[in-house]
């Protein structure tokens, strides 16, 4: 973990003292903070999935670690979908196809098209 500190037009990168020991870092920050939150990271609360997007804004929809469990996810309208982490449980081709089919469904729903047409 590192963060930049501006100094006379230059950015100095300081390395977190726990960078060489991720287990110790997790333990330290988990104990000393209500949620794991490294220094200089500002947590945001998610908004309800059906919140209208303000005009002139770009909405990022972020999901992670779906592990082949995309059924029942209520996806908000968004301009950019960012999926991080694992999207399969075992990495099977059938799981990859299911995820790809889900992405197609999300895309068509976001753009008012019938994915079954």
N, C-alpha and C. Protein backbone atom coordinates (compact mmCIF):
# COMPACT_ATOMS: atom_id res chain seq x y z
N UNK A 1 0.84 -1.17 0.00
CA UNK A 1 0.00 0.00 0.00
C UNK A 1 0.89 1.24 0.00
N UNK A 2 0.58 2.11 -0.89
CA UNK A 2 1.34 3.35 -0.95
C UNK A 2 0.39 4.49 -1.27
N UNK A 3 0.80 5.66 -0.92
CA UNK A 3 -0.01 6.83 -1.26
C UNK A 3 0.92 7.97 -1.62
N UNK A 4 0.39 8.86 -2.45
CA UNK A 4 1.21 9.98 -2.90
C UNK A 4 1.05 11.19 -2.02
N UNK A 5 2.13 11.90 -1.81
CA UNK A 5 2.12 13.14 -1.05
C UNK A 5 2.72 14.22 -1.94
N UNK A 6 1.88 15.21 -2.38
CA UNK A 6 2.42 16.26 -3.23
C UNK A 6 3.47 17.09 -2.49
N UNK A 7 4.55 17.38 -3.17
CA UNK A 7 5.61 18.18 -2.58
C UNK A 7 6.26 19.01 -3.67
N UNK A 8 5.95 20.28 -3.72
CA UNK A 8 6.52 21.22 -4.69
C UNK A 8 6.36 20.71 -6.12
N UNK A 9 5.15 20.29 -6.48
CA UNK A 9 4.88 19.85 -7.84
C UNK A 9 5.29 18.41 -8.12
N UNK A 10 5.94 17.75 -7.20
CA UNK A 10 6.33 16.36 -7.38
C UNK A 10 5.52 15.51 -6.41
N UNK A 11 5.38 14.26 -6.73
CA UNK A 11 4.68 13.35 -5.84
C UNK A 11 5.68 12.37 -5.26
N UNK A 12 5.71 12.33 -3.94
CA UNK A 12 6.57 11.39 -3.25
C UNK A 12 5.72 10.20 -2.83
N UNK A 13 6.15 9.01 -3.17
CA UNK A 13 5.42 7.80 -2.81
C UNK A 13 6.00 7.26 -1.51
N UNK A 14 5.13 7.15 -0.52
CA UNK A 14 5.56 6.56 0.74
C UNK A 14 4.97 5.16 0.83
N UNK A 15 5.75 4.23 1.30
CA UNK A 15 5.33 2.84 1.37
C UNK A 15 4.78 2.56 2.77
N UNK A 16 3.63 1.92 2.81
CA UNK A 16 3.02 1.56 4.08
C UNK A 16 3.93 0.59 4.82
N UNK A 17 4.01 0.75 6.13
CA UNK A 17 4.91 -0.09 6.92
C UNK A 17 4.56 -1.57 6.86
N UNK A 18 3.31 -1.89 6.48
CA UNK A 18 2.90 -3.29 6.43
C UNK A 18 2.95 -3.88 5.02
N UNK A 19 3.51 -3.17 4.06
CA UNK A 19 3.52 -3.63 2.67
C UNK A 19 4.20 -4.99 2.49
N UNK A 20 5.19 -5.28 3.28
CA UNK A 20 5.91 -6.54 3.11
C UNK A 20 5.24 -7.70 3.82
N UNK A 21 4.16 -7.42 4.57
CA UNK A 21 3.48 -8.49 5.29
C UNK A 21 1.97 -8.27 5.21
N UNK A 22 1.32 -8.77 4.12
CA UNK A 22 -0.10 -8.52 3.93
C UNK A 22 -0.98 -9.08 5.05
N UNK A 23 -0.59 -10.20 5.64
CA UNK A 23 -1.37 -10.76 6.74
C UNK A 23 -1.36 -9.83 7.94
N UNK A 24 -0.20 -9.30 8.26
CA UNK A 24 -0.08 -8.35 9.37
C UNK A 24 -0.85 -7.07 9.05
N UNK A 25 -0.80 -6.62 7.80
CA UNK A 25 -1.52 -5.41 7.40
C UNK A 25 -3.01 -5.61 7.60
N UNK A 26 -3.55 -6.75 7.12
CA UNK A 26 -4.98 -6.99 7.28
C UNK A 26 -5.36 -7.03 8.75
N UNK A 27 -4.57 -7.74 9.55
CA UNK A 27 -4.86 -7.83 10.98
C UNK A 27 -4.82 -6.46 11.63
N UNK A 28 -3.80 -5.68 11.33
CA UNK A 28 -3.65 -4.34 11.91
C UNK A 28 -4.84 -3.46 11.56
N UNK A 29 -5.16 -3.35 10.27
CA UNK A 29 -6.22 -2.44 9.86
C UNK A 29 -7.60 -2.97 10.24
N UNK A 30 -7.75 -4.27 10.27
CA UNK A 30 -9.03 -4.85 10.65
C UNK A 30 -9.32 -4.61 12.14
N UNK A 31 -8.31 -4.69 12.96
CA UNK A 31 -8.47 -4.47 14.40
C UNK A 31 -8.64 -2.99 14.71
N UNK A 32 -7.89 -2.14 14.03
CA UNK A 32 -7.86 -0.73 14.35
C UNK A 32 -8.92 0.11 13.63
N UNK A 33 -9.69 -0.50 12.77
CA UNK A 33 -10.74 0.22 12.07
C UNK A 33 -11.98 -0.65 12.02
N UNK A 34 -13.15 -0.01 11.95
CA UNK A 34 -14.39 -0.78 11.95
C UNK A 34 -14.50 -1.66 10.71
N UNK A 35 -14.01 -1.20 9.58
CA UNK A 35 -13.93 -2.00 8.36
C UNK A 35 -12.50 -1.87 7.86
N UNK A 36 -12.04 -2.87 7.12
CA UNK A 36 -10.70 -2.78 6.55
C UNK A 36 -10.66 -1.58 5.62
N UNK A 37 -9.86 -0.60 5.97
CA UNK A 37 -9.78 0.63 5.19
C UNK A 37 -8.36 1.17 5.31
N UNK A 38 -7.54 0.92 4.29
CA UNK A 38 -6.17 1.45 4.34
C UNK A 38 -6.17 2.97 4.46
N UNK A 39 -5.06 3.53 4.91
CA UNK A 39 -4.98 4.99 5.03
C UNK A 39 -5.27 5.68 3.70
N UNK A 40 -5.91 6.80 3.77
CA UNK A 40 -6.19 7.65 2.62
C UNK A 40 -7.17 7.04 1.63
N UNK A 41 -7.93 6.03 2.04
CA UNK A 41 -8.98 5.47 1.21
C UNK A 41 -10.30 5.88 1.84
N UNK A 42 -11.13 6.52 1.07
CA UNK A 42 -12.40 6.98 1.57
C UNK A 42 -13.50 6.05 1.09
N UNK A 43 -14.16 5.41 2.03
CA UNK A 43 -15.23 4.48 1.69
C UNK A 43 -16.48 5.26 1.29
N UNK A 44 -17.23 4.71 0.36
CA UNK A 44 -18.51 5.30 -0.02
C UNK A 44 -19.59 4.26 0.23
N UNK A 45 -20.77 4.72 0.58
CA UNK A 45 -21.89 3.82 0.79
C UNK A 45 -22.58 3.59 -0.54
N UNK A 46 -22.97 2.34 -0.82
CA UNK A 46 -23.68 2.09 -2.07
C UNK A 46 -25.05 2.76 -2.06
N UNK A 47 -25.52 3.09 -3.25
CA UNK A 47 -26.84 3.69 -3.37
C UNK A 47 -27.82 2.60 -3.81
N UNK A 48 -29.11 2.77 -3.53
CA UNK A 48 -30.08 1.77 -3.98
C UNK A 48 -30.01 1.57 -5.49
N UNK A 49 -30.22 0.34 -5.93
CA UNK A 49 -30.05 0.01 -7.34
C UNK A 49 -30.97 0.80 -8.26
N UNK A 50 -32.11 1.28 -7.76
CA UNK A 50 -33.05 1.98 -8.62
C UNK A 50 -32.96 3.51 -8.52
N UNK A 51 -31.87 4.01 -7.93
CA UNK A 51 -31.68 5.45 -7.83
C UNK A 51 -31.46 6.04 -9.22
N UNK A 52 -32.23 7.07 -9.61
CA UNK A 52 -32.02 7.69 -10.92
C UNK A 52 -30.62 8.31 -11.02
N UNK A 53 -30.08 8.25 -12.21
CA UNK A 53 -28.76 8.83 -12.45
C UNK A 53 -28.93 10.31 -12.79
N UNK A 54 -28.22 11.19 -12.09
CA UNK A 54 -28.31 12.62 -12.42
C UNK A 54 -27.81 12.89 -13.84
N UNK A 55 -28.45 13.84 -14.51
CA UNK A 55 -28.05 14.22 -15.86
C UNK A 55 -26.60 14.69 -15.87
N UNK A 56 -25.89 14.31 -16.89
CA UNK A 56 -24.51 14.75 -17.05
C UNK A 56 -23.50 13.94 -16.24
N UNK A 57 -23.94 12.90 -15.56
CA UNK A 57 -23.04 12.06 -14.76
C UNK A 57 -22.79 10.74 -15.47
N UNK A 58 -21.68 10.13 -15.16
CA UNK A 58 -21.36 8.79 -15.62
C UNK A 58 -21.49 7.86 -14.43
N UNK A 59 -22.28 6.81 -14.57
CA UNK A 59 -22.46 5.88 -13.46
C UNK A 59 -21.64 4.62 -13.71
N UNK A 60 -20.78 4.33 -12.73
CA UNK A 60 -20.02 3.09 -12.72
C UNK A 60 -20.78 2.10 -11.85
N UNK A 61 -21.02 0.91 -12.36
CA UNK A 61 -21.64 -0.15 -11.58
C UNK A 61 -20.52 -1.16 -11.28
N UNK A 62 -20.26 -1.36 -10.00
CA UNK A 62 -19.15 -2.22 -9.59
C UNK A 62 -19.67 -3.46 -8.87
N UNK A 63 -19.28 -4.62 -9.37
CA UNK A 63 -19.61 -5.88 -8.71
C UNK A 63 -18.33 -6.71 -8.66
N UNK A 64 -18.27 -7.62 -7.73
CA UNK A 64 -17.09 -8.47 -7.66
C UNK A 64 -17.43 -9.84 -7.11
N UNK A 65 -16.55 -10.78 -7.43
CA UNK A 65 -16.62 -12.12 -6.87
C UNK A 65 -18.01 -12.73 -6.93
N UNK A 66 -18.60 -12.74 -8.12
CA UNK A 66 -19.94 -13.30 -8.26
C UNK A 66 -19.93 -14.83 -8.22
N UNK A 67 -18.81 -15.46 -8.52
CA UNK A 67 -18.65 -16.92 -8.38
C UNK A 67 -19.83 -17.70 -8.95
N UNK A 68 -20.24 -17.38 -10.17
CA UNK A 68 -21.34 -18.06 -10.86
C UNK A 68 -22.69 -17.86 -10.19
N UNK A 69 -22.80 -16.86 -9.35
CA UNK A 69 -24.06 -16.61 -8.65
C UNK A 69 -24.66 -15.27 -9.08
N UNK A 70 -24.93 -15.14 -10.37
CA UNK A 70 -25.47 -13.89 -10.90
C UNK A 70 -27.00 -13.86 -10.90
N UNK A 71 -27.64 -15.02 -10.67
CA UNK A 71 -29.11 -15.05 -10.62
C UNK A 71 -29.59 -14.18 -9.47
N UNK A 72 -30.55 -13.34 -9.77
CA UNK A 72 -31.15 -12.53 -8.71
C UNK A 72 -30.42 -11.23 -8.39
N UNK A 73 -29.31 -10.94 -9.07
CA UNK A 73 -28.63 -9.67 -8.83
C UNK A 73 -29.46 -8.56 -9.47
N UNK A 74 -29.81 -7.56 -8.69
CA UNK A 74 -30.55 -6.42 -9.21
C UNK A 74 -29.53 -5.39 -9.67
N UNK A 75 -29.34 -5.31 -10.97
CA UNK A 75 -28.33 -4.42 -11.54
C UNK A 75 -28.93 -3.05 -11.81
N UNK A 76 -28.30 -2.01 -11.29
CA UNK A 76 -28.77 -0.66 -11.62
C UNK A 76 -28.37 -0.30 -13.04
N UNK A 77 -29.05 0.69 -13.59
CA UNK A 77 -28.61 1.21 -14.87
C UNK A 77 -27.23 1.82 -14.66
N UNK A 78 -26.35 1.59 -15.60
CA UNK A 78 -25.03 2.19 -15.50
C UNK A 78 -24.42 2.37 -16.87
N UNK A 79 -23.46 3.23 -16.92
CA UNK A 79 -22.75 3.48 -18.18
C UNK A 79 -21.57 2.52 -18.33
N UNK A 80 -20.97 2.17 -17.21
CA UNK A 80 -19.78 1.31 -17.22
C UNK A 80 -19.95 0.24 -16.15
N UNK A 81 -19.81 -1.03 -16.56
CA UNK A 81 -19.85 -2.14 -15.62
C UNK A 81 -18.42 -2.57 -15.34
N UNK A 82 -18.08 -2.57 -14.07
CA UNK A 82 -16.75 -2.99 -13.64
C UNK A 82 -16.92 -4.24 -12.77
N UNK A 83 -16.48 -5.38 -13.30
CA UNK A 83 -16.55 -6.63 -12.53
C UNK A 83 -15.12 -7.01 -12.16
N UNK A 84 -14.89 -7.16 -10.87
CA UNK A 84 -13.56 -7.54 -10.41
C UNK A 84 -13.67 -8.85 -9.64
N UNK A 85 -12.58 -9.53 -9.48
CA UNK A 85 -12.59 -10.77 -8.73
C UNK A 85 -13.07 -11.93 -9.59
N UNK A 86 -13.37 -13.03 -8.93
CA UNK A 86 -13.76 -14.26 -9.61
C UNK A 86 -15.19 -14.19 -10.11
N UNK A 87 -15.41 -14.64 -11.36
CA UNK A 87 -16.78 -14.72 -11.86
C UNK A 87 -17.23 -16.17 -12.01
N UNK A 88 -16.34 -17.13 -11.77
CA UNK A 88 -16.72 -18.54 -11.76
C UNK A 88 -16.37 -19.14 -10.41
N UNK A 89 -16.94 -20.29 -10.16
CA UNK A 89 -16.62 -21.02 -8.93
C UNK A 89 -15.42 -21.93 -9.17
N UNK A 90 -15.46 -22.65 -10.30
CA UNK A 90 -14.42 -23.64 -10.59
C UNK A 90 -13.66 -23.36 -11.88
N UNK A 91 -14.09 -22.37 -12.65
CA UNK A 91 -13.44 -22.07 -13.92
C UNK A 91 -13.89 -22.97 -15.05
N UNK A 92 -15.03 -23.59 -14.90
CA UNK A 92 -15.54 -24.50 -15.93
C UNK A 92 -16.04 -23.72 -17.14
N UNK A 93 -15.90 -24.29 -18.34
CA UNK A 93 -16.42 -23.61 -19.53
C UNK A 93 -17.90 -23.27 -19.42
N UNK A 94 -18.69 -24.13 -18.78
CA UNK A 94 -20.12 -23.85 -18.63
C UNK A 94 -20.35 -22.62 -17.75
N UNK A 95 -19.47 -22.40 -16.76
CA UNK A 95 -19.59 -21.21 -15.90
C UNK A 95 -19.22 -19.95 -16.67
N UNK A 96 -18.21 -20.06 -17.53
CA UNK A 96 -17.81 -18.91 -18.36
C UNK A 96 -18.95 -18.55 -19.31
N UNK A 97 -19.58 -19.58 -19.92
CA UNK A 97 -20.71 -19.32 -20.82
C UNK A 97 -21.86 -18.68 -20.05
N UNK A 98 -22.17 -19.19 -18.86
CA UNK A 98 -23.26 -18.62 -18.06
C UNK A 98 -22.98 -17.14 -17.75
N UNK A 99 -21.72 -16.82 -17.40
CA UNK A 99 -21.36 -15.43 -17.10
C UNK A 99 -21.49 -14.57 -18.35
N UNK A 100 -21.04 -15.10 -19.48
CA UNK A 100 -21.14 -14.35 -20.73
C UNK A 100 -22.61 -14.10 -21.10
N UNK A 101 -23.45 -15.10 -20.90
CA UNK A 101 -24.88 -14.94 -21.16
C UNK A 101 -25.47 -13.87 -20.24
N UNK A 102 -25.04 -13.87 -18.98
CA UNK A 102 -25.51 -12.86 -18.02
C UNK A 102 -25.08 -11.46 -18.46
N UNK A 103 -23.83 -11.32 -18.91
CA UNK A 103 -23.37 -10.01 -19.40
C UNK A 103 -24.21 -9.55 -20.58
N UNK A 104 -24.56 -10.47 -21.47
CA UNK A 104 -25.39 -10.14 -22.62
C UNK A 104 -26.76 -9.67 -22.15
N UNK A 105 -27.33 -10.35 -21.17
CA UNK A 105 -28.63 -9.97 -20.62
C UNK A 105 -28.56 -8.58 -19.98
N UNK A 106 -27.52 -8.34 -19.18
CA UNK A 106 -27.34 -7.03 -18.54
C UNK A 106 -27.23 -5.94 -19.60
N UNK A 107 -26.42 -6.19 -20.64
CA UNK A 107 -26.23 -5.19 -21.70
C UNK A 107 -27.57 -4.87 -22.37
N UNK A 108 -28.32 -5.91 -22.73
CA UNK A 108 -29.57 -5.66 -23.43
C UNK A 108 -30.60 -4.97 -22.53
N UNK A 109 -30.65 -5.34 -21.27
CA UNK A 109 -31.57 -4.68 -20.35
C UNK A 109 -31.20 -3.22 -20.16
N UNK A 110 -29.89 -2.94 -20.13
CA UNK A 110 -29.43 -1.56 -19.96
C UNK A 110 -29.78 -0.71 -21.18
N UNK A 111 -29.89 -1.35 -22.35
CA UNK A 111 -30.12 -0.59 -23.57
C UNK A 111 -31.53 -0.79 -24.11
N UNK A 112 -32.42 -1.33 -23.29
CA UNK A 112 -33.83 -1.45 -23.67
C UNK A 112 -34.10 -2.42 -24.78
N UNK A 113 -33.25 -3.42 -24.94
CA UNK A 113 -33.44 -4.41 -26.00
C UNK A 113 -33.86 -5.73 -25.38
N UNK A 114 -34.55 -6.51 -26.18
CA UNK A 114 -34.96 -7.84 -25.73
C UNK A 114 -33.85 -8.83 -26.10
N UNK A 115 -33.17 -9.42 -25.09
CA UNK A 115 -32.07 -10.33 -25.40
C UNK A 115 -32.55 -11.63 -26.04
N UNK A 116 -33.85 -11.91 -25.97
CA UNK A 116 -34.37 -13.15 -26.54
C UNK A 116 -34.94 -12.96 -27.94
N UNK A 117 -34.85 -11.74 -28.47
CA UNK A 117 -35.43 -11.46 -29.78
C UNK A 117 -34.52 -11.95 -30.90
